[in-house]
Amino acid sequence: MNVLIVYAHPEPGSFNGAMKDLAVATLIDEGHQVKVSDLYAMNFKAVADRDDFLLDSRT
């Protein structure tokens, strides 16, 4: 099975990071193909502001 893990945490050494690593290792050991999408590594902006919208609804 193909598995996509979407991971979003600013600190790779966190508990969340450890759980992601364990999930990846376990899934691979079980024969699955695993891809991790690390949003913070991709410079994903976690907060939306007015620059994220094409039209200003106040005009």
C-alpha atoms as a PDB file:
ATOM      1  CA  MET A   1       0.000   0.000   0.000  1.00  0.00           C
ATOM      2  CA  ASN A   2       1.152   3.558  -0.679  1.00  0.00           C
ATOM      3  CA  VAL A   3       1.083   5.747   2.430  1.00  0.00           C
ATOM      4  CA  LEU A   4       1.407   9.535   2.564  1.00  0.00           C
ATOM      5  CA  ILE A   5       2.206  11.055   5.941  1.00  0.00           C
ATOM      6  CA  VAL A   6       1.584  14.791   6.152  1.00  0.00           C
ATOM      7  CA  TYR A   7       3.836  16.036   8.940  1.00  0.00           C
ATOM      8  CA  ALA A   8       3.663  19.563  10.340  1.00  0.00           C
ATOM      9  CA  HIS A   9       5.808  20.370  13.357  1.00  0.00           C
ATOM     10  CA  PRO A  10       8.551  22.993  13.619  1.00  0.00           C
ATOM     11  CA  GLU A  11      10.851  20.830  15.772  1.00  0.00           C
ATOM     12  CA  PRO A  12      12.035  17.567  14.167  1.00  0.00           C
ATOM     13  CA  GLY A  13      13.231  16.249  17.554  1.00  0.00           C
ATOM     14  CA  SER A  14       9.787  16.598  19.137  1.00  0.00           C
ATOM     15  CA  PHE A  15       7.491  13.797  20.283  1.00  0.00           C
ATOM     16  CA  ASN A  16       5.519  14.325  17.063  1.00  0.00           C
ATOM     17  CA  GLY A  17       8.718  13.868  15.066  1.00  0.00           C
ATOM     18  CA  ALA A  18       9.501  10.664  16.941  1.00  0.00           C
ATOM     19  CA  MET A  19       5.993   9.339  16.283  1.00  0.00           C
ATOM     20  CA  LYS A  20       6.347  10.175  12.571  1.00  0.00           C
ATOM     21  CA  ASP A  21       9.681   8.355  12.430  1.00  0.00           C
ATOM     22  CA  LEU A  22       8.210   5.322  14.206  1.00  0.00           C
ATOM     23  CA  ALA A  23       5.227   5.263  11.846  1.00  0.00           C
ATOM     24  CA  VAL A  24       7.515   5.439   8.802  1.00  0.00           C
ATOM     25  CA  ALA A  25       9.790   2.663  10.082  1.00  0.00           C
ATOM     26  CA  THR A  26       6.868   0.430  11.061  1.00  0.00           C
ATOM     27  CA  LEU A  27       5.052   0.895   7.760  1.00  0.00           C
ATOM     28  CA  ILE A  28       8.216   0.209   5.743  1.00  0.00           C
ATOM     29  CA  ASP A  29       8.907  -2.912   7.838  1.00  0.00           C
ATOM     30  CA  GLU A  30       5.386  -4.095   6.974  1.00  0.00           C
ATOM     31  CA  GLY A  31       6.146  -3.696   3.262  1.00  0.00           C
ATOM     32  CA  HIS A  32       4.369  -0.424   2.544  1.00  0.00           C
ATOM     33  CA  GLN A  33       5.716   2.386   0.384  1.00  0.00           C
ATOM     34  CA  VAL A  34       5.865   5.551   2.485  1.00  0.00           C
ATOM     35  CA  LYS A  35       6.238   9.185   1.488  1.00  0.00           C
ATOM     36  CA  VAL A  36       6.464  11.992   4.045  1.00  0.00           C
ATOM     37  CA  SER A  37       5.337  15.496   3.213  1.00  0.00           C
ATOM     38  CA  ASP A  38       7.052  17.713   5.808  1.00  0.00           C
ATOM     39  CA  LEU A  39       5.211  21.016   5.628  1.00  0.00           C
ATOM     40  CA  TYR A  40       7.720  22.982   7.706  1.00  0.00           C
ATOM     41  CA  ALA A  41      10.627  21.725   5.575  1.00  0.00           C
ATOM     42  CA  MET A  42       8.673  23.003   2.554  1.00  0.00           C
ATOM     43  CA  ASN A  43       8.373  26.470   4.199  1.00  0.00           C
ATOM     44  CA  PHE A  44       4.604  26.058   4.469  1.00  0.00           C
ATOM     45  CA  LYS A  45       3.045  29.163   6.000  1.00  0.00           C
ATOM     46  CA  ALA A  46       0.715  27.880   8.704  1.00  0.00           C
ATOM     47  CA  VAL A  47      -1.188  31.152   9.105  1.00  0.00           C
ATOM     48  CA  ALA A  48      -3.435  32.671   6.469  1.00  0.00           C
ATOM     49  CA  ASP A  49      -3.515  36.436   6.199  1.00  0.00           C
ATOM     50  CA  ARG A  50      -5.019  38.899   3.719  1.00  0.00           C
ATOM     51  CA  ASP A  51      -2.080  38.376   1.317  1.00  0.00           C
ATOM     52  CA  ASP A  52      -3.323  34.807   0.811  1.00  0.00           C
ATOM     53  CA  PHE A  53      -6.558  35.971  -0.811  1.00  0.00           C
ATOM     54  CA  LEU A  54      -6.919  37.448  -4.288  1.00  0.00           C
ATOM     55  CA  LEU A  55      -9.763  39.822  -3.495  1.00  0.00           C
ATOM     56  CA  ASP A  56     -10.247  42.079  -0.515  1.00  0.00           C
ATOM     57  CA  SER A  57     -13.879  41.586   0.550  1.00  0.00           C
ATOM     58  CA  ARG A  58     -13.948  45.021   2.210  1.00  0.00           C
ATOM     59  CA  THR A  59     -13.703  46.908  -1.101  1.00  0.00           C
END
